[in-house]
Amino acid sequence: MRATAELVPMGTITAQLGQRIEVGDGPKGTRLLVDVTSVEVESDRLRGRLADGRQ
């Protein structure tokens, strides 16, 4: 019997990104730095958000 695996969607991930900064060319293309300002994850079994230390 051969084992099989199935990919199941985890939920929804929403990310807000800040300004991007190009830092030049790299071996696989242009390198970018991007600030992630917020992230939220939501599903039927999980709900979370990025802790940023602000109140």
PDB file of N, CA and C in Angstrom:
ATOM      1  N   MET A   1       0.842  -1.172   0.000  1.00  0.00           N
ATOM      2  CA  MET A   1       0.000   0.000   0.000  1.00  0.00           C
ATOM      3  C   MET A   1       0.894   1.244   0.000  1.00  0.00           C
ATOM      4  N   ARG A   2       0.537   2.203  -0.797  1.00  0.00           N
ATOM      5  CA  ARG A   2       1.313   3.430  -0.920  1.00  0.00           C
ATOM      6  C   ARG A   2       0.651   4.555  -0.127  1.00  0.00           C
ATOM      7  N   ALA A   3       1.437   5.235   0.693  1.00  0.00           N
ATOM      8  CA  ALA A   3       0.913   6.351   1.482  1.00  0.00           C
ATOM      9  C   ALA A   3       0.666   7.550   0.571  1.00  0.00           C
ATOM     10  N   THR A   4      -0.385   8.282   0.869  1.00  0.00           N
ATOM     11  CA  THR A   4      -0.683   9.491   0.097  1.00  0.00           C
ATOM     12  C   THR A   4      -0.808  10.676   1.037  1.00  0.00           C
ATOM     13  N   ALA A   5      -0.569  11.832   0.502  1.00  0.00           N
ATOM     14  CA  ALA A   5      -0.690  13.065   1.271  1.00  0.00           C
ATOM     15  C   ALA A   5      -1.659  13.989   0.553  1.00  0.00           C
ATOM     16  N   GLU A   6      -2.330  14.815   1.314  1.00  0.00           N
ATOM     17  CA  GLU A   6      -3.283  15.750   0.752  1.00  0.00           C
ATOM     18  C   GLU A   6      -3.021  17.130   1.326  1.00  0.00           C
ATOM     19  N   LEU A   7      -2.993  18.129   0.465  1.00  0.00           N
ATOM     20  CA  LEU A   7      -2.846  19.504   0.920  1.00  0.00           C
ATOM     21  C   LEU A   7      -4.232  20.066   1.230  1.00  0.00           C
ATOM     22  N   VAL A   8      -4.370  20.633   2.421  1.00  0.00           N
ATOM     23  CA  VAL A   8      -5.633  21.200   2.856  1.00  0.00           C
ATOM     24  C   VAL A   8      -5.398  22.675   3.186  1.00  0.00           C
ATOM     25  N   PRO A   9      -6.203  23.577   2.648  1.00  0.00           N
ATOM     26  CA  PRO A   9      -6.007  24.999   2.962  1.00  0.00           C
ATOM     27  C   PRO A   9      -6.095  25.259   4.460  1.00  0.00           C
ATOM     28  N   MET A  10      -5.162  26.056   4.964  1.00  0.00           N
ATOM     29  CA  MET A  10      -5.118  26.375   6.386  1.00  0.00           C
ATOM     30  C   MET A  10      -6.131  27.446   6.748  1.00  0.00           C
ATOM     31  N   GLY A  11      -6.338  28.393   5.875  1.00  0.00           N
ATOM     32  CA  GLY A  11      -7.226  29.505   6.145  1.00  0.00           C
ATOM     33  C   GLY A  11      -6.809  30.687   5.285  1.00  0.00           C
ATOM     34  N   THR A  12      -7.043  31.882   5.799  1.00  0.00           N
ATOM     35  CA  THR A  12      -6.722  33.101   5.076  1.00  0.00           C
ATOM     36  C   THR A  12      -5.640  33.875   5.818  1.00  0.00           C
ATOM     37  N   ILE A  13      -4.617  34.278   5.092  1.00  0.00           N
ATOM     38  CA  ILE A  13      -3.569  35.125   5.641  1.00  0.00           C
ATOM     39  C   ILE A  13      -3.652  36.472   4.927  1.00  0.00           C
ATOM     40  N   THR A  14      -3.795  37.546   5.705  1.00  0.00           N
ATOM     41  CA  THR A  14      -3.860  38.895   5.154  1.00  0.00           C
ATOM     42  C   THR A  14      -2.674  39.682   5.688  1.00  0.00           C
ATOM     43  N   ALA A  15      -1.892  40.249   4.786  1.00  0.00           N
ATOM     44  CA  ALA A  15      -0.714  41.020   5.188  1.00  0.00           C
ATOM     45  C   ALA A  15      -0.769  42.408   4.568  1.00  0.00           C
ATOM     46  N   GLN A  16      -0.460  43.408   5.377  1.00  0.00           N
ATOM     47  CA  GLN A  16      -0.330  44.776   4.893  1.00  0.00           C
ATOM     48  C   GLN A  16       1.165  45.083   4.827  1.00  0.00           C
ATOM     49  N   LEU A  17       1.600  45.555   3.687  1.00  0.00           N
ATOM     50  CA  LEU A  17       3.016  45.831   3.491  1.00  0.00           C
ATOM     51  C   LEU A  17       3.258  47.327   3.415  1.00  0.00           C
ATOM     52  N   GLY A  18       4.395  47.745   3.949  1.00  0.00           N
ATOM     53  CA  GLY A  18       4.798  49.142   3.899  1.00  0.00           C
ATOM     54  C   GLY A  18       5.578  49.427   2.627  1.00  0.00           C
ATOM     55  N   GLN A  19       6.329  50.482   2.686  1.00  0.00           N
ATOM     56  CA  GLN A  19       7.126  50.913   1.538  1.00  0.00           C
ATOM     57  C   GLN A  19       8.201  49.883   1.225  1.00  0.00           C
ATOM     58  N   ARG A  20       8.430  49.672  -0.047  1.00  0.00           N
ATOM     59  CA  ARG A  20       9.499  48.751  -0.437  1.00  0.00           C
ATOM     60  C   ARG A  20      10.745  49.540  -0.811  1.00  0.00           C
ATOM     61  N   ILE A  21      11.886  48.954  -0.505  1.00  0.00           N
ATOM     62  CA  ILE A  21      13.175  49.582  -0.783  1.00  0.00           C
ATOM     63  C   ILE A  21      13.986  48.629  -1.640  1.00  0.00           C
ATOM     64  N   GLU A  22      14.356  49.072  -2.827  1.00  0.00           N
ATOM     65  CA  GLU A  22      15.209  48.257  -3.687  1.00  0.00           C
ATOM     66  C   GLU A  22      16.647  48.393  -3.208  1.00  0.00           C
ATOM     67  N   VAL A  23      17.314  47.265  -2.979  1.00  0.00           N
ATOM     68  CA  VAL A  23      18.690  47.300  -2.485  1.00  0.00           C
ATOM     69  C   VAL A  23      19.699  46.833  -3.526  1.00  0.00           C
ATOM     70  N   GLY A  24      19.265  46.667  -4.753  1.00  0.00           N
ATOM     71  CA  GLY A  24      20.198  46.329  -5.821  1.00  0.00           C
ATOM     72  C   GLY A  24      19.957  44.957  -6.395  1.00  0.00           C
ATOM     73  N   ASP A  25      20.766  44.636  -7.372  1.00  0.00           N
ATOM     74  CA  ASP A  25      20.650  43.347  -8.053  1.00  0.00           C
ATOM     75  C   ASP A  25      21.357  42.259  -7.267  1.00  0.00           C
ATOM     76  N   GLY A  26      20.747  41.095  -7.249  1.00  0.00           N
ATOM     77  CA  GLY A  26      21.339  39.917  -6.632  1.00  0.00           C
ATOM     78  C   GLY A  26      21.485  38.829  -7.673  1.00  0.00           C
ATOM     79  N   PRO A  27      21.969  37.667  -7.276  1.00  0.00           N
ATOM     80  CA  PRO A  27      22.193  36.584  -8.238  1.00  0.00           C
ATOM     81  C   PRO A  27      20.891  36.060  -8.867  1.00  0.00           C
ATOM     82  N   LYS A  28      19.738  36.331  -8.238  1.00  0.00           N
ATOM     83  CA  LYS A  28      18.468  35.843  -8.790  1.00  0.00           C
ATOM     84  C   LYS A  28      17.502  36.977  -9.096  1.00  0.00           C
ATOM     85  N   GLY A  29      18.017  38.199  -9.235  1.00  0.00           N
ATOM     86  CA  GLY A  29      17.163  39.329  -9.583  1.00  0.00           C
ATOM     87  C   GLY A  29      17.303  40.478  -8.607  1.00  0.00           C
ATOM     88  N   THR A  30      16.367  41.407  -8.690  1.00  0.00           N
ATOM     89  CA  THR A  30      16.393  42.594  -7.841  1.00  0.00           C
ATOM     90  C   THR A  30      16.011  42.230  -6.408  1.00  0.00           C
ATOM     91  N   ARG A  31      16.794  42.703  -5.445  1.00  0.00           N
ATOM     92  CA  ARG A  31      16.508  42.456  -4.023  1.00  0.00           C
ATOM     93  C   ARG A  31      15.687  43.603  -3.471  1.00  0.00           C
ATOM     94  N   LEU A  32      14.669  43.253  -2.661  1.00  0.00           N
ATOM     95  CA  LEU A  32      13.790  44.244  -2.054  1.00  0.00           C
ATOM     96  C   LEU A  32      13.715  44.030  -0.555  1.00  0.00           C
ATOM     97  N   LEU A  33      13.585  45.104   0.181  1.00  0.00           N
ATOM     98  CA  LEU A  33      13.254  45.058   1.600  1.00  0.00           C
ATOM     99  C   LEU A  33      11.860  45.653   1.731  1.00  0.00           C
ATOM    100  N   VAL A  34      10.983  44.958   2.451  1.00  0.00           N
ATOM    101  CA  VAL A  34       9.618  45.430   2.621  1.00  0.00           C
ATOM    102  C   VAL A  34       9.234  45.282   4.084  1.00  0.00           C
ATOM    103  N   ASP A  35       8.721  46.354   4.678  1.00  0.00           N
ATOM    104  CA  ASP A  35       8.245  46.329   6.046  1.00  0.00           C
ATOM    105  C   ASP A  35       6.858  45.697   6.068  1.00  0.00           C
ATOM    106  N   VAL A  36       6.661  44.679   6.913  1.00  0.00           N
ATOM    107  CA  VAL A  36       5.347  44.073   7.097  1.00  0.00           C
ATOM    108  C   VAL A  36       4.689  44.813   8.258  1.00  0.00           C
ATOM    109  N   THR A  37       3.651  45.593   7.958  1.00  0.00           N
ATOM    110  CA  THR A  37       3.035  46.422   8.984  1.00  0.00           C
ATOM    111  C   THR A  37       1.967  45.685   9.780  1.00  0.00           C
ATOM    112  N   SER A  38       1.316  44.705   9.180  1.00  0.00           N
ATOM    113  CA  SER A  38       0.352  43.896   9.925  1.00  0.00           C
ATOM    114  C   SER A  38       0.116  42.569   9.211  1.00  0.00           C
ATOM    115  N   VAL A  39      -0.188  41.542  10.009  1.00  0.00           N
ATOM    116  CA  VAL A  39      -0.520  40.214   9.476  1.00  0.00           C
ATOM    117  C   VAL A  39      -1.637  39.640  10.330  1.00  0.00           C
ATOM    118  N   GLU A  40      -2.652  39.103   9.670  1.00  0.00           N
ATOM    119  CA  GLU A  40      -3.742  38.417  10.357  1.00  0.00           C
ATOM    120  C   GLU A  40      -3.940  37.055   9.713  1.00  0.00           C
ATOM    121  N   VAL A  41      -4.160  36.041  10.547  1.00  0.00           N
ATOM    122  CA  VAL A  41      -4.425  34.678  10.088  1.00  0.00           C
ATOM    123  C   VAL A  41      -5.772  34.271  10.660  1.00  0.00           C
ATOM    124  N   GLU A  42      -6.630  33.715   9.796  1.00  0.00           N
ATOM    125  CA  GLU A  42      -7.949  33.317  10.272  1.00  0.00           C
ATOM    126  C   GLU A  42      -8.399  32.035   9.575  1.00  0.00           C
ATOM    127  N   SER A  43      -8.894  31.100  10.373  1.00  0.00           N
ATOM    128  CA  SER A  43      -9.481  29.862   9.863  1.00  0.00           C
ATOM    129  C   SER A  43     -10.481  29.360  10.891  1.00  0.00           C
ATOM    130  N   ASP A  44     -11.062  28.201  10.635  1.00  0.00           N
ATOM    131  CA  ASP A  44     -12.018  27.661  11.589  1.00  0.00           C
ATOM    132  C   ASP A  44     -11.331  27.150  12.857  1.00  0.00           C
ATOM    133  N   ARG A  45     -10.023  26.910  12.812  1.00  0.00           N
ATOM    134  CA  ARG A  45      -9.303  26.408  13.986  1.00  0.00           C
ATOM    135  C   ARG A  45      -8.282  27.380  14.544  1.00  0.00           C
ATOM    136  N   LEU A  46      -8.065  28.504  13.870  1.00  0.00           N
ATOM    137  CA  LEU A  46      -6.979  29.402  14.261  1.00  0.00           C
ATOM    138  C   LEU A  46      -7.357  30.846  13.948  1.00  0.00           C
ATOM    139  N   ARG A  47      -6.994  31.746  14.871  1.00  0.00           N
ATOM    140  CA  ARG A  47      -7.136  33.177  14.621  1.00  0.00           C
ATOM    141  C   ARG A  47      -5.978  33.865  15.325  1.00  0.00           C
ATOM    142  N   GLY A  48      -5.235  34.662  14.596  1.00  0.00           N
ATOM    143  CA  GLY A  48      -4.099  35.343  15.217  1.00  0.00           C
ATOM    144  C   GLY A  48      -3.699  36.563  14.411  1.00  0.00           C
ATOM    145  N   ARG A  49      -2.862  37.384  15.041  1.00  0.00           N
ATOM    146  CA  ARG A  49      -2.341  38.566  14.353  1.00  0.00           C
ATOM    147  C   ARG A  49      -0.935  38.846  14.855  1.00  0.00           C
ATOM    148  N   LEU A  50      -0.195  39.598  14.090  1.00  0.00           N
ATOM    149  CA  LEU A  50       1.167  39.975  14.423  1.00  0.00           C
ATOM    150  C   LEU A  50       1.157  40.883  15.644  1.00  0.00           C
ATOM    151  N   ALA A  51       1.943  40.537  16.646  1.00  0.00           N
ATOM    152  CA  ALA A  51       2.096  41.387  17.835  1.00  0.00           C
ATOM    153  C   ALA A  51       3.173  42.410  17.526  1.00  0.00           C
ATOM    154  N   ASP A  52       2.815  43.690  17.562  1.00  0.00           N
ATOM    155  CA  ASP A  52       3.780  44.723  17.188  1.00  0.00           C
ATOM    156  C   ASP A  52       4.269  45.544  18.381  1.00  0.00           C
ATOM    157  N   GLY A  53       3.752  45.291  19.572  1.00  0.00           N
ATOM    158  CA  GLY A  53       4.225  46.004  20.749  1.00  0.00           C
ATOM    159  C   GLY A  53       3.522  47.320  20.988  1.00  0.00           C
ATOM    160  N   ARG A  54       2.725  47.790  20.023  1.00  0.00           N
ATOM    161  CA  ARG A  54       1.965  49.031  20.206  1.00  0.00           C
ATOM    162  C   ARG A  54       0.650  48.726  20.896  1.00  0.00           C
ATOM    163  N   GLN A  55       0.150  49.700  21.634  1.00  0.00           N
ATOM    164  CA  GLN A  55      -1.144  49.510  22.305  1.00  0.00           C
ATOM    165  C   GLN A  55      -2.150  50.532  21.858  1.00  0.00           C
TER     166      GLN A  55
END
